[in-house]
Amino acid sequence: MRRLIALFAVLLFATPVVAQQAQPFTPEQKAALQQLVREVLVSNPEILIEAMNALEAKQQAETTKASKAAIVANRKAIFEDGVSYVAGNPQGDVTIVEFFDYRCGYCKQVQPSLMALLKEDSKVRLVLKEMPVLGPESVIAARAAVAALEQDKGARYFDFHNAMMEFRGQITEAEVFRLGGKAGLDTARLKTDMAAPKTEQILRANLALADTLGIQGTPGFIIGDQLVPGAVPLDTLRQLVKDARG
């Protein structure tokens, strides 16, 4: 009965033009059905909640399907772009890709969990992709990180990355260079490489890829064939890695 009433509700309220064109009811029948639907909905408002939950579930399923298709279509750019820094085990059996911003509090929040996972699981491969979306300071920090890859074959990148992630405070340009120098980087060269076209191209590619994948904020993770938004706890990361191993 409820499903029938819900169907009438759609016909009578959601698609009035179609109902008018088909003219399935006389005006008197339509008025009677409208009144019946109102009475049922007022007496049983949970019907609307059930419908909303069903709609959300359907939308989530469609989003998941679309994200998995996007991951398959962009697999090389996601996992093997040839420029993003790879931490953990480069030959690992599961890859975690993180899109992050150095000014993102949630990225800093999840950082200890990522480091703990790398320490306890020697088969995890972590690909780091700068995604500066939180203002000019984010862009400066991201440019510096990408430019750090040009020094010593990227050997000092990870120390620099971790220093900026662990830093609590405003990431200013001066702070970026201070942390870079502390990590052993040549800050003069860093400034030059930050302005290089290659640096701009890498960041633009990261942002475009994030948009294609439907990543709307940081952090955003790709683990196996799953898009995982937000700062997830260590236990969840472990489970996602386990799921990816299948």
C-alpha atoms as a PDB file:
ATOM      1  CA  MET A   1       0.000   0.000   0.000  1.00  0.00           C
ATOM      2  CA  ARG A   2       2.786   2.426   0.921  1.00  0.00           C
ATOM      3  CA  ARG A   3       4.589   1.824  -2.345  1.00  0.00           C
ATOM      4  CA  LEU A   4       1.380   2.495  -4.243  1.00  0.00           C
ATOM      5  CA  ILE A   5       0.813   5.721  -2.332  1.00  0.00           C
ATOM      6  CA  ALA A   6       4.393   6.763  -2.958  1.00  0.00           C
ATOM      7  CA  LEU A   7       3.888   6.139  -6.668  1.00  0.00           C
ATOM      8  CA  PHE A   8       0.771   8.273  -6.638  1.00  0.00           C
ATOM      9  CA  ALA A   9       2.735  10.989  -4.834  1.00  0.00           C
ATOM     10  CA  VAL A  10       5.345  11.005  -7.589  1.00  0.00           C
ATOM     11  CA  LEU A  11       2.712  11.093 -10.297  1.00  0.00           C
ATOM     12  CA  LEU A  12       0.660  13.795  -8.668  1.00  0.00           C
ATOM     13  CA  PHE A  13       3.316  16.065  -7.203  1.00  0.00           C
ATOM     14  CA  ALA A  14       6.708  15.409  -8.743  1.00  0.00           C
ATOM     15  CA  THR A  15       5.625  15.165 -12.385  1.00  0.00           C
ATOM     16  CA  PRO A  16       2.433  17.185 -12.836  1.00  0.00           C
ATOM     17  CA  VAL A  17       3.146  17.869 -16.517  1.00  0.00           C
ATOM     18  CA  VAL A  18       3.288  14.169 -17.336  1.00  0.00           C
ATOM     19  CA  ALA A  19       0.110  13.542 -15.372  1.00  0.00           C
ATOM     20  CA  GLN A  20      -1.663  16.333 -17.232  1.00  0.00           C
ATOM     21  CA  GLN A  21      -0.525  15.067 -20.601  1.00  0.00           C
ATOM     22  CA  ALA A  22      -1.586  11.484 -19.922  1.00  0.00           C
ATOM     23  CA  GLN A  23      -4.734  12.555 -18.028  1.00  0.00           C
ATOM     24  CA  PRO A  24      -5.029   9.230 -16.128  1.00  0.00           C
ATOM     25  CA  PHE A  25      -7.498  10.648 -13.602  1.00  0.00           C
ATOM     26  CA  THR A  26     -10.561  12.838 -13.635  1.00  0.00           C
ATOM     27  CA  PRO A  27     -10.250  16.072 -11.610  1.00  0.00           C
ATOM     28  CA  GLU A  28     -12.350  14.519  -8.850  1.00  0.00           C
ATOM     29  CA  GLN A  29     -10.174  11.374  -8.734  1.00  0.00           C
ATOM     30  CA  LYS A  30      -7.029  13.455  -8.717  1.00  0.00           C
ATOM     31  CA  ALA A  31      -8.276  15.594  -5.835  1.00  0.00           C
ATOM     32  CA  ALA A  32      -9.256  12.502  -3.858  1.00  0.00           C
ATOM     33  CA  LEU A  33      -5.849  10.891  -4.428  1.00  0.00           C
ATOM     34  CA  GLN A  34      -4.035  14.062  -3.456  1.00  0.00           C
ATOM     35  CA  GLN A  35      -5.969  14.200  -0.224  1.00  0.00           C
ATOM     36  CA  LEU A  36      -5.260  10.518   0.443  1.00  0.00           C
ATOM     37  CA  VAL A  37      -1.549  10.981  -0.174  1.00  0.00           C
ATOM     38  CA  ARG A  38      -1.451  13.969   2.167  1.00  0.00           C
ATOM     39  CA  GLU A  39      -3.195  12.045   4.893  1.00  0.00           C
ATOM     40  CA  VAL A  40      -0.888   9.047   4.534  1.00  0.00           C
ATOM     41  CA  LEU A  41       2.256  11.194   4.540  1.00  0.00           C
ATOM     42  CA  VAL A  42       1.119  13.154   7.585  1.00  0.00           C
ATOM     43  CA  SER A  43       0.259   9.945   9.440  1.00  0.00           C
ATOM     44  CA  ASN A  44       3.358   8.100   8.240  1.00  0.00           C
ATOM     45  CA  PRO A  45       6.161  10.674   7.698  1.00  0.00           C
ATOM     46  CA  GLU A  46       8.733   7.880   7.864  1.00  0.00           C
ATOM     47  CA  ILE A  47       7.776   7.121   4.254  1.00  0.00           C
ATOM     48  CA  LEU A  48       9.606  10.283   3.222  1.00  0.00           C
ATOM     49  CA  ILE A  49      12.654   9.297   5.274  1.00  0.00           C
ATOM     50  CA  GLU A  50      12.666   5.871   3.612  1.00  0.00           C
ATOM     51  CA  ALA A  51      12.469   7.505   0.193  1.00  0.00           C
ATOM     52  CA  MET A  52      15.300   9.928   1.012  1.00  0.00           C
ATOM     53  CA  ASN A  53      17.481   7.097   2.317  1.00  0.00           C
ATOM     54  CA  ALA A  54      16.819   5.091  -0.835  1.00  0.00           C
ATOM     55  CA  LEU A  55      17.711   8.101  -2.984  1.00  0.00           C
ATOM     56  CA  GLU A  56      20.948   8.689  -1.054  1.00  0.00           C
ATOM     57  CA  ALA A  57      21.902   5.036  -1.385  1.00  0.00           C
ATOM     58  CA  LYS A  58      21.257   5.151  -5.120  1.00  0.00           C
ATOM     59  CA  GLN A  59      23.284   8.335  -5.538  1.00  0.00           C
ATOM     60  CA  GLN A  60      26.145   6.876  -3.483  1.00  0.00           C
ATOM     61  CA  ALA A  61      26.161   3.739  -5.626  1.00  0.00           C
ATOM     62  CA  GLU A  62      26.265   5.835  -8.789  1.00  0.00           C
ATOM     63  CA  THR A  63      29.097   7.971  -7.379  1.00  0.00           C
ATOM     64  CA  THR A  64      31.104   4.894  -6.404  1.00  0.00           C
ATOM     65  CA  LYS A  65      30.616   3.366  -9.846  1.00  0.00           C
ATOM     66  CA  ALA A  66      31.701   6.592 -11.545  1.00  0.00           C
ATOM     67  CA  SER A  67      34.777   6.985  -9.330  1.00  0.00           C
ATOM     68  CA  LYS A  68      35.887   3.409  -9.995  1.00  0.00           C
ATOM     69  CA  ALA A  69      35.515   3.975 -13.734  1.00  0.00           C
ATOM     70  CA  ALA A  70      37.558   7.192 -13.458  1.00  0.00           C
ATOM     71  CA  ILE A  71      40.292   5.358 -11.534  1.00  0.00           C
ATOM     72  CA  VAL A  72      40.509   2.683 -14.220  1.00  0.00           C
ATOM     73  CA  ALA A  73      40.605   5.273 -17.003  1.00  0.00           C
ATOM     74  CA  ASN A  74      43.358   7.309 -15.299  1.00  0.00           C
ATOM     75  CA  ARG A  75      45.362   4.513 -13.703  1.00  0.00           C
ATOM     76  CA  LYS A  76      48.753   5.542 -15.095  1.00  0.00           C
ATOM     77  CA  ALA A  77      48.366   9.196 -14.053  1.00  0.00           C
ATOM     78  CA  ILE A  78      47.246   8.126 -10.581  1.00  0.00           C
ATOM     79  CA  PHE A  79      49.748   5.404  -9.754  1.00  0.00           C
ATOM     80  CA  GLU A  80      52.665   5.786 -12.180  1.00  0.00           C
ATOM     81  CA  ASP A  81      52.967   9.394 -13.345  1.00  0.00           C
ATOM     82  CA  GLY A  82      56.766   9.319 -13.085  1.00  0.00           C
ATOM     83  CA  VAL A  83      57.021  12.560 -11.084  1.00  0.00           C
ATOM     84  CA  SER A  84      55.144  12.118  -7.795  1.00  0.00           C
ATOM     85  CA  TYR A  85      57.230  11.072  -4.810  1.00  0.00           C
ATOM     86  CA  VAL A  86      56.842   7.438  -3.769  1.00  0.00           C
ATOM     87  CA  ALA A  87      57.309   6.589  -0.082  1.00  0.00           C
ATOM     88  CA  GLY A  88      57.229   3.217   1.604  1.00  0.00           C
ATOM     89  CA  ASN A  89      57.992   0.247  -0.620  1.00  0.00           C
ATOM     90  CA  PRO A  90      58.260   1.284  -4.293  1.00  0.00           C
ATOM     91  CA  GLN A  91      57.543  -2.347  -5.217  1.00  0.00           C
ATOM     92  CA  GLY A  92      54.699  -2.730  -2.725  1.00  0.00           C
ATOM     93  CA  ASP A  93      51.649  -4.837  -3.477  1.00  0.00           C
ATOM     94  CA  VAL A  94      49.173  -2.104  -2.465  1.00  0.00           C
ATOM     95  CA  THR A  95      49.414   1.563  -3.398  1.00  0.00           C
ATOM     96  CA  ILE A  96      47.884   4.420  -1.440  1.00  0.00           C
ATOM     97  CA  VAL A  97      47.707   7.705  -3.339  1.00  0.00           C
ATOM     98  CA  GLU A  98      47.205  10.811  -1.218  1.00  0.00           C
ATOM     99  CA  PHE A  99      46.068  14.192  -2.562  1.00  0.00           C
ATOM    100  CA  PHE A 100      46.938  16.718   0.135  1.00  0.00           C
ATOM    101  CA  ASP A 101      47.450  20.358   1.067  1.00  0.00           C
ATOM    102  CA  TYR A 102      50.156  21.468   3.500  1.00  0.00           C
ATOM    103  CA  ARG A 103      47.739  23.873   5.187  1.00  0.00           C
ATOM    104  CA  CYS A 104      45.022  21.241   5.607  1.00  0.00           C
ATOM    105  CA  GLY A 105      44.386  20.367   9.248  1.00  0.00           C
ATOM    106  CA  TYR A 106      42.833  17.038   8.312  1.00  0.00           C
ATOM    107  CA  CYS A 107      45.904  16.118   6.245  1.00  0.00           C
ATOM    108  CA  LYS A 108      48.077  16.831   9.271  1.00  0.00           C
ATOM    109  CA  GLN A 109      45.688  14.810  11.410  1.00  0.00           C
ATOM    110  CA  VAL A 110      46.000  11.693   9.244  1.00  0.00           C
ATOM    111  CA  GLN A 111      49.774  12.010   8.749  1.00  0.00           C
ATOM    112  CA  PRO A 112      50.764   9.995  11.885  1.00  0.00           C
ATOM    113  CA  SER A 113      48.449   7.173  10.810  1.00  0.00           C
ATOM    114  CA  LEU A 114      50.038   7.035   7.357  1.00  0.00           C
ATOM    115  CA  MET A 115      53.534   6.961   8.838  1.00  0.00           C
ATOM    116  CA  ALA A 116      52.515   4.245  11.309  1.00  0.00           C
ATOM    117  CA  LEU A 117      51.052   2.179   8.467  1.00  0.00           C
ATOM    118  CA  LEU A 118      54.259   2.462   6.427  1.00  0.00           C
ATOM    119  CA  LYS A 119      56.273   1.407   9.452  1.00  0.00           C
ATOM    120  CA  GLU A 120      54.169  -1.662  10.272  1.00  0.00           C
ATOM    121  CA  ASP A 121      53.404  -2.794   6.713  1.00  0.00           C
ATOM    122  CA  SER A 122      56.471  -3.130   4.520  1.00  0.00           C
ATOM    123  CA  LYS A 123      54.393  -3.871   1.417  1.00  0.00           C
ATOM    124  CA  VAL A 124      52.565  -0.532   1.221  1.00  0.00           C
ATOM    125  CA  ARG A 125      53.516   1.969  -1.464  1.00  0.00           C
ATOM    126  CA  LEU A 126      52.532   5.618  -0.831  1.00  0.00           C
ATOM    127  CA  VAL A 127      52.290   8.102  -3.710  1.00  0.00           C
ATOM    128  CA  LEU A 128      52.141  11.770  -2.684  1.00  0.00           C
ATOM    129  CA  LYS A 129      50.352  14.347  -4.831  1.00  0.00           C
ATOM    130  CA  GLU A 130      50.299  18.010  -3.878  1.00  0.00           C
ATOM    131  CA  MET A 131      46.851  19.555  -4.224  1.00  0.00           C
ATOM    132  CA  PRO A 132      47.073  23.191  -3.092  1.00  0.00           C
ATOM    133  CA  VAL A 133      43.496  24.420  -2.636  1.00  0.00           C
ATOM    134  CA  LEU A 134      43.640  26.499   0.537  1.00  0.00           C
ATOM    135  CA  GLY A 135      45.099  29.762  -0.677  1.00  0.00           C
ATOM    136  CA  PRO A 136      48.383  31.358  -1.796  1.00  0.00           C
ATOM    137  CA  GLU A 137      50.420  29.907   1.091  1.00  0.00           C
ATOM    138  CA  SER A 138      49.305  26.425   0.065  1.00  0.00           C
ATOM    139  CA  VAL A 139      50.543  27.069  -3.461  1.00  0.00           C
ATOM    140  CA  ILE A 140      53.921  28.274  -2.170  1.00  0.00           C
ATOM    141  CA  ALA A 141      54.346  25.181   0.010  1.00  0.00           C
ATOM    142  CA  ALA A 142      53.282  22.857  -2.815  1.00  0.00           C
ATOM    143  CA  ARG A 143      55.659  24.540  -5.275  1.00  0.00           C
ATOM    144  CA  ALA A 144      58.502  24.157  -2.806  1.00  0.00           C
ATOM    145  CA  ALA A 145      57.734  20.466  -2.284  1.00  0.00           C
ATOM    146  CA  VAL A 146      57.625  19.765  -6.020  1.00  0.00           C
ATOM    147  CA  ALA A 147      60.818  21.768  -6.529  1.00  0.00           C
ATOM    148  CA  ALA A 148      62.520  19.687  -3.808  1.00  0.00           C
ATOM    149  CA  LEU A 149      62.246  16.677  -6.127  1.00  0.00           C
ATOM    150  CA  GLU A 150      64.865  18.316  -8.351  1.00  0.00           C
ATOM    151  CA  GLN A 151      67.569  18.132  -5.665  1.00  0.00           C
ATOM    152  CA  ASP A 152      69.591  14.974  -4.977  1.00  0.00           C
ATOM    153  CA  LYS A 153      67.114  12.942  -7.050  1.00  0.00           C
ATOM    154  CA  GLY A 154      64.388  13.792  -4.568  1.00  0.00           C
ATOM    155  CA  ALA A 155      66.289  12.295  -1.625  1.00  0.00           C
ATOM    156  CA  ARG A 156      65.384  15.160   0.713  1.00  0.00           C
ATOM    157  CA  TYR A 157      61.769  15.522  -0.368  1.00  0.00           C
ATOM    158  CA  PHE A 158      60.293  13.192   2.242  1.00  0.00           C
ATOM    159  CA  ASP A 159      62.054  14.877   5.168  1.00  0.00           C
ATOM    160  CA  PHE A 160      60.830  18.241   3.875  1.00  0.00           C
ATOM    161  CA  HIS A 161      57.328  16.896   3.333  1.00  0.00           C
ATOM    162  CA  ASN A 162      57.140  15.451   6.833  1.00  0.00           C
ATOM    163  CA  ALA A 163      58.506  18.658   8.362  1.00  0.00           C
ATOM    164  CA  MET A 164      55.761  20.728   6.714  1.00  0.00           C
ATOM    165  CA  MET A 165      53.096  18.188   7.673  1.00  0.00           C
ATOM    166  CA  GLU A 166      54.274  18.114  11.285  1.00  0.00           C
ATOM    167  CA  PHE A 167      54.566  21.899  11.540  1.00  0.00           C
ATOM    168  CA  ARG A 168      51.822  23.488  13.623  1.00  0.00           C
ATOM    169  CA  GLY A 169      51.289  27.094  12.756  1.00  0.00           C
ATOM    170  CA  GLN A 170      50.923  29.328   9.734  1.00  0.00           C
ATOM    171  CA  ILE A 171      52.852  27.989   6.735  1.00  0.00           C
ATOM    172  CA  THR A 172      54.339  31.208   5.394  1.00  0.00           C
ATOM    173  CA  GLU A 173      56.893  31.539   2.627  1.00  0.00           C
ATOM    174  CA  ALA A 174      59.599  32.248   5.209  1.00  0.00           C
ATOM    175  CA  GLU A 175      58.608  29.156   7.183  1.00  0.00           C
ATOM    176  CA  VAL A 176      58.690  27.010   4.051  1.00  0.00           C
ATOM    177  CA  PHE A 177      62.273  28.043   3.314  1.00  0.00           C
ATOM    178  CA  ARG A 178      63.288  27.625   6.948  1.00  0.00           C
ATOM    179  CA  LEU A 179      61.963  24.072   6.961  1.00  0.00           C
ATOM    180  CA  GLY A 180      63.549  23.423   3.582  1.00  0.00           C
ATOM    181  CA  GLY A 181      66.946  24.526   4.828  1.00  0.00           C
ATOM    182  CA  LYS A 182      66.532  22.402   7.938  1.00  0.00           C
ATOM    183  CA  ALA A 183      65.800  19.397   5.706  1.00  0.00           C
ATOM    184  CA  GLY A 184      69.092  19.986   3.896  1.00  0.00           C
ATOM    185  CA  LEU A 185      67.746  21.622   0.754  1.00  0.00           C
ATOM    186  CA  ASP A 186      69.538  24.359  -1.168  1.00  0.00           C
ATOM    187  CA  THR A 187      66.977  27.128  -0.655  1.00  0.00           C
ATOM    188  CA  ALA A 188      68.421  29.335  -3.403  1.00  0.00           C
ATOM    189  CA  ARG A 189      67.959  26.574  -5.934  1.00  0.00           C
ATOM    190  CA  LEU A 190      64.591  25.766  -4.397  1.00  0.00           C
ATOM    191  CA  LYS A 191      63.359  29.282  -5.178  1.00  0.00           C
ATOM    192  CA  THR A 192      64.531  28.957  -8.784  1.00  0.00           C
ATOM    193  CA  ASP A 193      62.929  25.556  -9.303  1.00  0.00           C
ATOM    194  CA  MET A 194      59.669  26.720  -7.711  1.00  0.00           C
ATOM    195  CA  ALA A 195      59.245  29.162 -10.599  1.00  0.00           C
ATOM    196  CA  ALA A 196      60.070  26.595 -13.285  1.00  0.00           C
ATOM    197  CA  PRO A 197      57.380  25.648 -15.844  1.00  0.00           C
ATOM    198  CA  LYS A 198      57.758  21.985 -14.854  1.00  0.00           C
ATOM    199  CA  THR A 199      56.639  22.749 -11.303  1.00  0.00           C
ATOM    200  CA  GLU A 200      53.558  24.565 -12.584  1.00  0.00           C
ATOM    201  CA  GLN A 201      52.743  21.706 -14.951  1.00  0.00           C
ATOM    202  CA  ILE A 202      52.923  19.095 -12.177  1.00  0.00           C
ATOM    203  CA  LEU A 203      50.618  21.032  -9.878  1.00  0.00           C
ATOM    204  CA  ARG A 204      48.135  21.746 -12.659  1.00  0.00           C
ATOM    205  CA  ALA A 205      48.131  18.055 -13.586  1.00  0.00           C
ATOM    206  CA  ASN A 206      47.473  17.072  -9.956  1.00  0.00           C
ATOM    207  CA  LEU A 207      44.561  19.486  -9.666  1.00  0.00           C
ATOM    208  CA  ALA A 208      43.082  18.387 -12.986  1.00  0.00           C
ATOM    209  CA  LEU A 209      43.399  14.725 -12.007  1.00  0.00           C
ATOM    210  CA  ALA A 210      41.731  15.365  -8.647  1.00  0.00           C
ATOM    211  CA  ASP A 211      38.858  17.081 -10.436  1.00  0.00           C
ATOM    212  CA  THR A 212      38.500  14.172 -12.863  1.00  0.00           C
ATOM    213  CA  LEU A 213      38.370  11.719  -9.976  1.00  0.00           C
ATOM    214  CA  GLY A 214      35.805  13.769  -8.078  1.00  0.00           C
ATOM    215  CA  ILE A 215      38.142  14.656  -5.201  1.00  0.00           C
ATOM    216  CA  GLN A 216      36.600  17.819  -3.808  1.00  0.00           C
ATOM    217  CA  GLY A 217      38.817  18.422  -0.789  1.00  0.00           C
ATOM    218  CA  THR A 218      41.881  17.265   1.085  1.00  0.00           C
ATOM    219  CA  PRO A 219      42.933  14.759   2.026  1.00  0.00           C
ATOM    220  CA  GLY A 220      41.664  12.457  -0.689  1.00  0.00           C
ATOM    221  CA  PHE A 221      42.929   8.905  -1.052  1.00  0.00           C
ATOM    222  CA  ILE A 222      42.926   6.310  -3.791  1.00  0.00           C
ATOM    223  CA  ILE A 223      43.427   2.830  -2.341  1.00  0.00           C
ATOM    224  CA  GLY A 224      43.111   0.017  -4.833  1.00  0.00           C
ATOM    225  CA  ASP A 225      40.018   0.887  -6.849  1.00  0.00           C
ATOM    226  CA  GLN A 226      38.402   2.951  -4.100  1.00  0.00           C
ATOM    227  CA  LEU A 227      38.176   6.703  -3.654  1.00  0.00           C
ATOM    228  CA  VAL A 228      38.360   7.475   0.068  1.00  0.00           C
ATOM    229  CA  PRO A 229      37.708  11.106   1.068  1.00  0.00           C
ATOM    230  CA  GLY A 230      38.760  12.663   4.355  1.00  0.00           C
ATOM    231  CA  ALA A 231      41.047  11.849   7.263  1.00  0.00           C
ATOM    232  CA  VAL A 232      40.431   8.178   8.024  1.00  0.00           C
ATOM    233  CA  PRO A 233      41.798   6.499  11.175  1.00  0.00           C
ATOM    234  CA  LEU A 234      44.608   3.964  11.142  1.00  0.00           C
ATOM    235  CA  ASP A 235      42.304   0.965  11.599  1.00  0.00           C
ATOM    236  CA  THR A 236      40.320   2.041   8.536  1.00  0.00           C
ATOM    237  CA  LEU A 237      43.497   2.422   6.504  1.00  0.00           C
ATOM    238  CA  ARG A 238      44.546  -1.080   7.538  1.00  0.00           C
ATOM    239  CA  GLN A 239      41.187  -2.487   6.467  1.00  0.00           C
ATOM    240  CA  LEU A 240      41.254  -0.664   3.128  1.00  0.00           C
ATOM    241  CA  VAL A 241      44.720  -2.035   2.418  1.00  0.00           C
ATOM    242  CA  LYS A 242      43.519  -5.511   3.357  1.00  0.00           C
ATOM    243  CA  ASP A 243      40.528  -5.118   1.037  1.00  0.00           C
ATOM    244  CA  ALA A 244      42.788  -3.964  -1.795  1.00  0.00           C
ATOM    245  CA  ARG A 245      44.869  -7.102  -1.379  1.00  0.00           C
ATOM    246  CA  GLY A 246      41.641  -9.008  -1.872  1.00  0.00           C
END
